C-alpha atoms as a PDB file:
ATOM      1  CA  MET A   1       5.791  10.728   0.352  1.00  0.00           C
ATOM      2  CA  ASN A   2       3.523  10.845   3.290  1.00  0.00           C
ATOM      3  CA  ARG A   3       4.601   8.387   6.043  1.00  0.00           C
ATOM      4  CA  TRP A   4       1.015   7.396   6.534  1.00  0.00           C
ATOM      5  CA  GLN A   5       0.326   6.315   3.021  1.00  0.00           C
ATOM      6  CA  PRO A   6      -1.885   4.774   1.941  1.00  0.00           C
ATOM      7  CA  PHE A   7      -4.827   6.515   3.735  1.00  0.00           C
ATOM      8  CA  VAL A   8      -7.147   4.052   5.615  1.00  0.00           C
ATOM      9  CA  THR A   9     -10.773   4.936   5.116  1.00  0.00           C
ATOM     10  CA  VAL A  10     -14.131   3.416   5.430  1.00  0.00           C
ATOM     11  CA  ALA A  11     -17.561   3.859   3.714  1.00  0.00           C
ATOM     12  CA  CYS A  12     -20.872   2.446   4.100  1.00  0.00           C
ATOM     13  CA  VAL A  13     -23.774   1.786   1.536  1.00  0.00           C
ATOM     14  CA  VAL A  14     -27.088   2.010   3.288  1.00  0.00           C
ATOM     15  CA  GLU A  15     -30.160   1.102   1.214  1.00  0.00           C
ATOM     16  CA  ARG A  16     -33.724   1.906   2.298  1.00  0.00           C
ATOM     17  CA  ALA A  17     -36.885   1.307   0.114  1.00  0.00           C
ATOM     18  CA  GLY A  18     -34.794   1.677  -2.946  1.00  0.00           C
ATOM     19  CA  ALA A  19     -32.897   5.165  -1.853  1.00  0.00           C
ATOM     20  CA  PHE A  20     -29.256   5.228  -0.530  1.00  0.00           C
ATOM     21  CA  LEU A  21     -27.943   7.334   2.395  1.00  0.00           C
ATOM     22  CA  MET A  22     -25.661   9.955   1.051  1.00  0.00           C
ATOM     23  CA  VAL A  23     -24.028  13.071   2.601  1.00  0.00           C
ATOM     24  CA  GLU A  24     -23.610  16.289   0.891  1.00  0.00           C
ATOM     25  CA  GLU A  25     -20.490  17.921   1.724  1.00  0.00           C
ATOM     26  CA  ASN A  26     -19.106  21.300   1.651  1.00  0.00           C
ATOM     27  CA  ARG A  27     -15.478  20.724  -0.074  1.00  0.00           C
ATOM     28  CA  GLY A  28     -14.566  24.468  -0.764  1.00  0.00           C
ATOM     29  CA  GLY A  29     -15.256  24.160  -4.378  1.00  0.00           C
ATOM     30  CA  PRO A  30     -17.961  25.753  -6.379  1.00  0.00           C
ATOM     31  CA  HIS A  31     -20.444  22.939  -5.479  1.00  0.00           C
ATOM     32  CA  THR A  32     -21.000  20.424  -2.737  1.00  0.00           C
ATOM     33  CA  LEU A  33     -20.185  16.916  -3.524  1.00  0.00           C
ATOM     34  CA  PHE A  34     -21.941  13.892  -2.702  1.00  0.00           C
ATOM     35  CA  ASN A  35     -20.700  10.662  -0.692  1.00  0.00           C
ATOM     36  CA  GLN A  36     -21.704   7.565   1.228  1.00  0.00           C
ATOM     37  CA  PRO A  37     -21.119   8.182   5.018  1.00  0.00           C
ATOM     38  CA  ALA A  38     -17.224   7.766   4.954  1.00  0.00           C
ATOM     39  CA  GLY A  39     -13.902   8.758   6.713  1.00  0.00           C
ATOM     40  CA  HIS A  40     -10.645   8.043   8.039  1.00  0.00           C
ATOM     41  CA  LEU A  41      -9.756   5.074  10.583  1.00  0.00           C
ATOM     42  CA  GLU A  42      -8.836   6.630  13.677  1.00  0.00           C
ATOM     43  CA  PRO A  43      -5.733   5.175  15.525  1.00  0.00           C
ATOM     44  CA  GLY A  44      -6.478   1.978  17.531  1.00  0.00           C
ATOM     45  CA  GLU A  45     -10.237   1.572  15.905  1.00  0.00           C
ATOM     46  CA  ARG A  46     -11.296  -1.309  14.242  1.00  0.00           C
ATOM     47  CA  ILE A  47     -12.599  -1.251  10.733  1.00  0.00           C
ATOM     48  CA  ARG A  48     -16.268  -2.085  11.418  1.00  0.00           C
ATOM     49  CA  ASP A  49     -16.086   0.192  14.380  1.00  0.00           C
ATOM     50  CA  ALA A  50     -14.885   3.297  12.349  1.00  0.00           C
ATOM     51  CA  ALA A  51     -17.770   3.033   9.609  1.00  0.00           C
ATOM     52  CA  LEU A  52     -20.231   2.562  12.482  1.00  0.00           C
ATOM     53  CA  ARG A  53     -18.848   5.926  14.043  1.00  0.00           C
ATOM     54  CA  GLU A  54     -18.699   7.864  10.712  1.00  0.00           C
ATOM     55  CA  VAL A  55     -22.201   6.931   9.571  1.00  0.00           C
ATOM     56  CA  GLU A  56     -23.375   8.196  13.103  1.00  0.00           C
ATOM     57  CA  GLU A  57     -21.485  11.572  13.079  1.00  0.00           C
ATOM     58  CA  GLU A  58     -22.080  12.334   9.622  1.00  0.00           C
ATOM     59  CA  THR A  59     -25.890  11.288   9.120  1.00  0.00           C
ATOM     60  CA  ALA A  60     -27.334  10.871  12.578  1.00  0.00           C
ATOM     61  CA  TRP A  61     -28.431   7.337  11.576  1.00  0.00           C
ATOM     62  CA  ARG A  62     -27.429   4.147  13.821  1.00  0.00           C
ATOM     63  CA  VAL A  63     -26.923   1.097  11.199  1.00  0.00           C
ATOM     64  CA  GLY A  64     -26.300  -2.309  11.416  1.00  0.00           C
ATOM     65  CA  ILE A  65     -23.528  -3.480   9.187  1.00  0.00           C
ATOM     66  CA  SER A  66     -24.530  -7.004   7.504  1.00  0.00           C
ATOM     67  CA  ASP A  67     -21.339  -7.522   4.913  1.00  0.00           C
ATOM     68  CA  TYR A  68     -18.175  -6.314   3.715  1.00  0.00           C
ATOM     69  CA  LEU A  69     -17.851  -4.948   0.161  1.00  0.00           C
ATOM     70  CA  GLY A  70     -14.288  -5.181  -0.214  1.00  0.00           C
ATOM     71  CA  MET A  71     -11.195  -2.878  -0.162  1.00  0.00           C
ATOM     72  CA  TYR A  72     -11.189  -0.251  -3.131  1.00  0.00           C
ATOM     73  CA  VAL A  73      -7.718   1.215  -3.946  1.00  0.00           C
ATOM     74  CA  TYR A  74      -8.108   4.740  -5.077  1.00  0.00           C
ATOM     75  CA  GLN A  75      -5.541   6.932  -6.645  1.00  0.00           C
ATOM     76  CA  ALA A  76      -6.740  10.888  -5.878  1.00  0.00           C
ATOM     77  CA  PRO A  77      -5.603  13.513  -8.702  1.00  0.00           C
ATOM     78  CA  ASP A  78      -3.580  14.956  -5.925  1.00  0.00           C
ATOM     79  CA  GLY A  79      -1.559  11.591  -5.850  1.00  0.00           C
ATOM     80  CA  ASN A  80      -2.575  10.555  -2.348  1.00  0.00           C
ATOM     81  CA  THR A  81      -3.552   6.825  -2.491  1.00  0.00           C
ATOM     82  CA  PHE A  82      -6.437   5.726  -0.286  1.00  0.00           C
ATOM     83  CA  HIS A  83      -7.356   2.069   0.671  1.00  0.00           C
ATOM     84  CA  SER A  84     -11.398   2.223   1.219  1.00  0.00           C
ATOM     85  CA  HIS A  85     -12.957  -0.434   3.028  1.00  0.00           C
ATOM     86  CA  GLY A  86     -16.780  -0.688   1.826  1.00  0.00           C
ATOM     87  CA  PHE A  87     -19.716  -1.970   3.969  1.00  0.00           C
ATOM     88  CA  LEU A  88     -23.292  -2.865   3.593  1.00  0.00           C
ATOM     89  CA  GLY A  89     -25.858  -1.638   6.214  1.00  0.00           C
ATOM     90  CA  MET A  90     -29.106  -1.351   7.074  1.00  0.00           C
ATOM     91  CA  ALA A  91     -30.819   1.878   8.853  1.00  0.00           C
ATOM     92  CA  LEU A  92     -32.017   0.953  12.380  1.00  0.00           C
ATOM     93  CA  ALA A  93     -32.946   4.408  13.948  1.00  0.00           C
ATOM     94  CA  HIS A  94     -32.187   8.177  13.374  1.00  0.00           C
ATOM     95  CA  MET A  95     -30.297   9.411  16.457  1.00  0.00           C
ATOM     96  CA  GLY A  96     -30.909  13.201  15.915  1.00  0.00           C
ATOM     97  CA  ASN A  97     -27.439  13.967  16.947  1.00  0.00           C
ATOM     98  CA  ASP A  98     -25.751  17.152  15.423  1.00  0.00           C
ATOM     99  CA  LEU A  99     -24.015  16.400  12.112  1.00  0.00           C
ATOM    100  CA  ASP A 100     -20.032  16.566  11.456  1.00  0.00           C
ATOM    101  CA  PRO A 101     -19.310  20.246  10.425  1.00  0.00           C
ATOM    102  CA  ALA A 102     -18.488  19.392   7.017  1.00  0.00           C
ATOM    103  CA  ILE A 103     -21.589  17.950   6.106  1.00  0.00           C
ATOM    104  CA  HIS A 104     -24.316  20.236   4.518  1.00  0.00           C
ATOM    105  CA  ALA A 105     -27.164  17.801   4.361  1.00  0.00           C
ATOM    106  CA  VAL A 106     -28.088  14.261   4.413  1.00  0.00           C
ATOM    107  CA  HIS A 107     -29.969  12.750   1.462  1.00  0.00           C
ATOM    108  CA  TRP A 108     -31.827   9.546   0.638  1.00  0.00           C
ATOM    109  CA  LEU A 109     -31.302   9.304  -3.001  1.00  0.00           C
ATOM    110  CA  THR A 110     -32.087   6.846  -5.789  1.00  0.00           C
ATOM    111  CA  LEU A 111     -29.670   5.264  -7.902  1.00  0.00           C
ATOM    112  CA  GLU A 112     -30.818   7.403 -10.840  1.00  0.00           C
ATOM    113  CA  GLU A 113     -30.305  10.487  -8.671  1.00  0.00           C
ATOM    114  CA  ILE A 114     -26.867   9.372  -7.915  1.00  0.00           C
ATOM    115  CA  GLU A 115     -26.040   8.494 -11.372  1.00  0.00           C
ATOM    116  CA  ALA A 116     -27.026  12.069 -12.430  1.00  0.00           C
ATOM    117  CA  LEU A 117     -24.811  13.553  -9.937  1.00  0.00           C
ATOM    118  CA  TYR A 118     -21.867  11.239 -11.111  1.00  0.00           C
ATOM    119  CA  ARG A 119     -22.484  12.854 -14.737  1.00  0.00           C
ATOM    120  CA  GLU A 120     -22.427  16.373 -13.309  1.00  0.00           C
ATOM    121  CA  GLY A 121     -19.107  15.578 -11.664  1.00  0.00           C
ATOM    122  CA  ARG A 122     -20.809  16.126  -8.046  1.00  0.00           C
ATOM    123  CA  LEU A 123     -19.534  12.835  -6.546  1.00  0.00           C
ATOM    124  CA  ARG A 124     -16.938  12.935  -4.001  1.00  0.00           C
ATOM    125  CA  SER A 125     -14.912   9.860  -5.803  1.00  0.00           C
ATOM    126  CA  PRO A 126     -15.717   7.201  -8.482  1.00  0.00           C
ATOM    127  CA  LEU A 127     -15.970   4.648  -5.618  1.00  0.00           C
ATOM    128  CA  VAL A 128     -19.199   6.081  -4.457  1.00  0.00           C
ATOM    129  CA  LEU A 129     -21.036   4.612  -7.556  1.00  0.00           C
ATOM    130  CA  ARG A 130     -18.741   1.516  -7.743  1.00  0.00           C
ATOM    131  CA  ARG A 131     -19.758   0.520  -4.060  1.00  0.00           C
ATOM    132  CA  ILE A 132     -23.607   0.955  -4.711  1.00  0.00           C
ATOM    133  CA  ARG A 133     -23.420  -1.003  -8.107  1.00  0.00           C
ATOM    134  CA  ASP A 134     -21.349  -3.640  -6.492  1.00  0.00           C
ATOM    135  CA  ALA A 135     -24.089  -3.936  -3.447  1.00  0.00           C
ATOM    136  CA  LEU A 136     -26.664  -4.143  -5.927  1.00  0.00           C
ATOM    137  CA  ALA A 137     -25.194  -6.772  -7.789  1.00  0.00           C
ATOM    138  CA  GLY A 138     -24.562  -8.883  -4.877  1.00  0.00           C
ATOM    139  CA  ARG A 139     -20.833  -8.313  -4.729  1.00  0.00           C
ATOM    140  CA  PHE A 140     -20.218  -8.574  -1.241  1.00  0.00           C
ATOM    141  CA  PHE A 141     -18.628 -10.965   1.472  1.00  0.00           C
ATOM    142  CA  PRO A 142     -19.581 -11.972   4.967  1.00  0.00           C
ATOM    143  CA  MET A 143     -17.922  -9.916   7.628  1.00  0.00           C
ATOM    144  CA  ASP A 144     -15.561 -12.828   8.938  1.00  0.00           C
ATOM    145  CA  VAL A 145     -13.320 -12.261   5.967  1.00  0.00           C
ATOM    146  CA  ILE A 146     -12.028  -9.374   8.187  1.00  0.00           C
ATOM    147  CA  HIS A 147      -9.643 -10.385  10.555  1.00  0.00           C
ATOM    148  CA  GLU A 148      -8.838  -7.866  13.466  1.00  0.00           C
ATOM    149  CA  ARG A 149      -7.260  -8.636  16.693  1.00  0.00           C
END
Protein backbone atom coordinates (compact mmCIF):
# COMPACT_ATOMS: atom_id res chain seq x y z
CA MET A 1 0.00 0.00 0.00
CA ASN A 2 1.21 3.50 -0.82
CA ARG A 3 2.24 5.30 2.35
CA TRP A 4 0.58 8.45 1.03
CA GLN A 5 -2.87 6.88 0.86
CA PRO A 6 -5.37 8.32 0.56
CA PHE A 7 -4.40 10.97 -1.98
CA VAL A 8 -5.74 14.43 -1.13
CA THR A 9 -7.02 16.36 -4.11
CA VAL A 10 -9.05 19.49 -4.82
CA ALA A 11 -11.51 20.38 -7.58
CA CYS A 12 -13.44 23.54 -8.34
CA VAL A 13 -16.85 23.89 -9.99
CA VAL A 14 -16.97 27.27 -11.75
CA GLU A 15 -20.19 28.29 -13.49
CA ARG A 16 -20.69 31.31 -15.72
CA ALA A 17 -23.82 32.08 -17.74
CA GLY A 18 -25.03 28.47 -17.67
CA ALA A 19 -21.69 26.93 -18.61
CA PHE A 20 -19.04 25.22 -16.49
CA LEU A 21 -15.29 25.68 -16.67
CA MET A 22 -13.76 22.38 -17.76
CA VAL A 23 -10.34 21.17 -18.79
CA GLU A 24 -9.65 18.65 -21.52
CA GLU A 25 -6.70 16.47 -20.52
CA ASN A 26 -4.31 14.24 -22.41
CA ARG A 27 -4.19 11.07 -20.29
CA GLY A 28 -2.45 8.75 -22.73
CA GLY A 29 -5.58 6.89 -23.83
CA PRO A 30 -7.37 6.87 -27.17
CA HIS A 31 -9.40 9.96 -26.19
CA THR A 32 -8.86 13.08 -24.14
CA LEU A 33 -10.79 13.26 -20.86
CA PHE A 34 -12.70 16.13 -19.26
CA ASN A 35 -12.48 17.31 -15.67
CA GLN A 36 -13.04 20.33 -13.49
CA PRO A 37 -9.83 22.19 -12.75
CA ALA A 38 -8.36 19.84 -10.16
CA GLY A 39 -5.19 18.43 -8.73
CA HIS A 40 -3.21 17.25 -5.74
CA LEU A 41 -2.56 19.13 -2.54
CA GLU A 42 1.12 20.10 -2.27
CA PRO A 43 3.10 19.73 0.98
CA GLY A 44 2.33 22.56 3.41
CA GLU A 45 -0.45 23.96 1.20
CA ARG A 46 -3.89 24.93 2.51
CA ILE A 47 -6.77 23.19 0.77
CA ARG A 48 -8.45 26.40 -0.47
CA ASP A 49 -5.12 27.70 -1.79
CA ALA A 50 -4.58 24.45 -3.67
CA ALA A 51 -7.93 24.84 -5.41
CA LEU A 52 -7.13 28.43 -6.44
CA ARG A 53 -3.68 27.38 -7.70
CA GLU A 54 -5.01 24.45 -9.71
CA VAL A 55 -7.68 26.57 -11.42
CA GLU A 56 -5.12 29.18 -12.46
CA GLU A 57 -2.50 26.62 -13.57
CA GLU A 58 -4.95 24.55 -15.59
CA THR A 59 -7.26 27.22 -17.04
CA ALA A 60 -5.51 30.61 -16.76
CA TRP A 61 -8.60 31.87 -14.89
CA ARG A 62 -8.49 33.57 -11.51
CA VAL A 63 -11.53 32.59 -9.47
CA GLY A 64 -13.07 33.49 -6.16
CA ILE A 65 -14.10 30.54 -4.04
CA SER A 66 -17.45 31.07 -2.37
CA ASP A 67 -18.44 27.70 -0.88
CA TYR A 68 -17.30 24.20 0.00
CA LEU A 69 -19.05 21.33 -1.77
CA GLY A 70 -17.63 18.74 0.61
CA MET A 71 -15.19 15.87 0.59
CA TYR A 72 -15.79 13.19 -2.01
CA VAL A 73 -14.17 9.78 -1.51
CA TYR A 74 -13.34 7.99 -4.75
CA GLN A 75 -11.89 4.51 -5.18
CA ALA A 76 -10.21 4.51 -8.60
CA PRO A 77 -10.16 1.36 -10.77
CA ASP A 78 -6.42 1.01 -10.05
CA GLY A 79 -7.16 0.67 -6.32
CA ASN A 80 -6.01 4.15 -5.29
CA THR A 81 -8.27 6.10 -2.94
CA PHE A 82 -8.77 9.84 -3.32
CA HIS A 83 -10.22 12.30 -0.82
CA SER A 84 -11.30 15.05 -3.19
CA HIS A 85 -12.30 18.39 -1.68
CA GLY A 86 -14.84 20.15 -3.90
CA PHE A 87 -15.28 23.90 -4.06
CA LEU A 88 -17.69 26.28 -5.73
CA GLY A 89 -16.10 29.27 -7.42
CA MET A 90 -16.85 32.24 -9.65
CA ALA A 91 -14.76 33.42 -12.59
CA LEU A 92 -13.08 36.77 -11.88
CA ALA A 93 -10.50 37.34 -14.61
CA HIS A 94 -8.69 35.53 -17.39
CA MET A 95 -4.95 35.75 -16.64
CA GLY A 96 -3.55 34.64 -19.99
CA ASN A 97 -0.79 32.51 -18.46
CA ASP A 98 0.47 29.30 -20.06
CA LEU A 99 -1.49 26.20 -19.12
CA ASP A 100 -0.24 23.11 -17.34
CA PRO A 101 1.33 20.84 -20.01
CA ALA A 102 -1.21 18.05 -19.36
CA ILE A 103 -4.08 20.34 -20.41
CA HIS A 104 -5.11 19.98 -24.05
CA ALA A 105 -7.76 22.74 -23.96
CA VAL A 106 -10.06 24.75 -21.70
CA HIS A 107 -13.80 24.82 -22.34
CA TRP A 108 -16.99 26.38 -20.99
CA LEU A 109 -19.54 23.56 -21.32
CA THR A 110 -23.24 23.31 -20.51
CA LEU A 111 -24.60 20.61 -18.22
CA GLU A 112 -26.06 18.86 -21.29
CA GLU A 113 -22.64 18.79 -22.98
CA ILE A 114 -21.02 17.40 -19.82
CA GLU A 115 -23.74 14.75 -19.48
CA ALA A 116 -23.06 13.72 -23.11
CA LEU A 117 -19.34 13.38 -22.29
CA TYR A 118 -20.31 11.22 -19.29
CA ARG A 119 -22.35 8.92 -21.54
CA GLU A 120 -19.33 8.65 -23.87
CA GLY A 121 -17.04 7.72 -20.95
CA ARG A 122 -15.02 10.92 -21.43
CA LEU A 123 -15.16 12.31 -17.86
CA ARG A 124 -12.03 11.85 -15.73
CA SER A 125 -14.14 10.39 -12.91
CA PRO A 126 -17.79 10.11 -11.87
CA LEU A 127 -17.10 12.88 -9.33
CA VAL A 128 -17.08 15.48 -12.12
CA LEU A 129 -20.81 15.24 -12.75
CA ARG A 130 -21.60 14.62 -9.07
CA ARG A 131 -19.92 17.88 -8.00
CA ILE A 132 -21.82 19.86 -10.66
CA ARG A 133 -25.15 18.32 -9.68
CA ASP A 134 -24.45 19.04 -5.99
CA ALA A 135 -23.63 22.66 -6.82
CA LEU A 136 -26.79 23.07 -8.90
CA ALA A 137 -28.90 21.51 -6.13
CA GLY A 138 -27.50 23.95 -3.57
CA ARG A 139 -25.70 21.21 -1.63
CA PHE A 140 -22.74 23.16 -0.36
CA PHE A 141 -21.38 24.55 2.88
CA PRO A 142 -19.84 27.82 4.05
CA MET A 143 -16.07 27.92 3.89
CA ASP A 144 -15.78 28.08 7.68
CA VAL A 145 -16.56 24.35 7.92
CA ILE A 146 -12.91 23.82 6.96
CA HIS A 147 -10.61 24.18 9.95
CA GLU A 148 -6.96 24.64 9.00
CA ARG A 149 -4.24 26.07 11.18
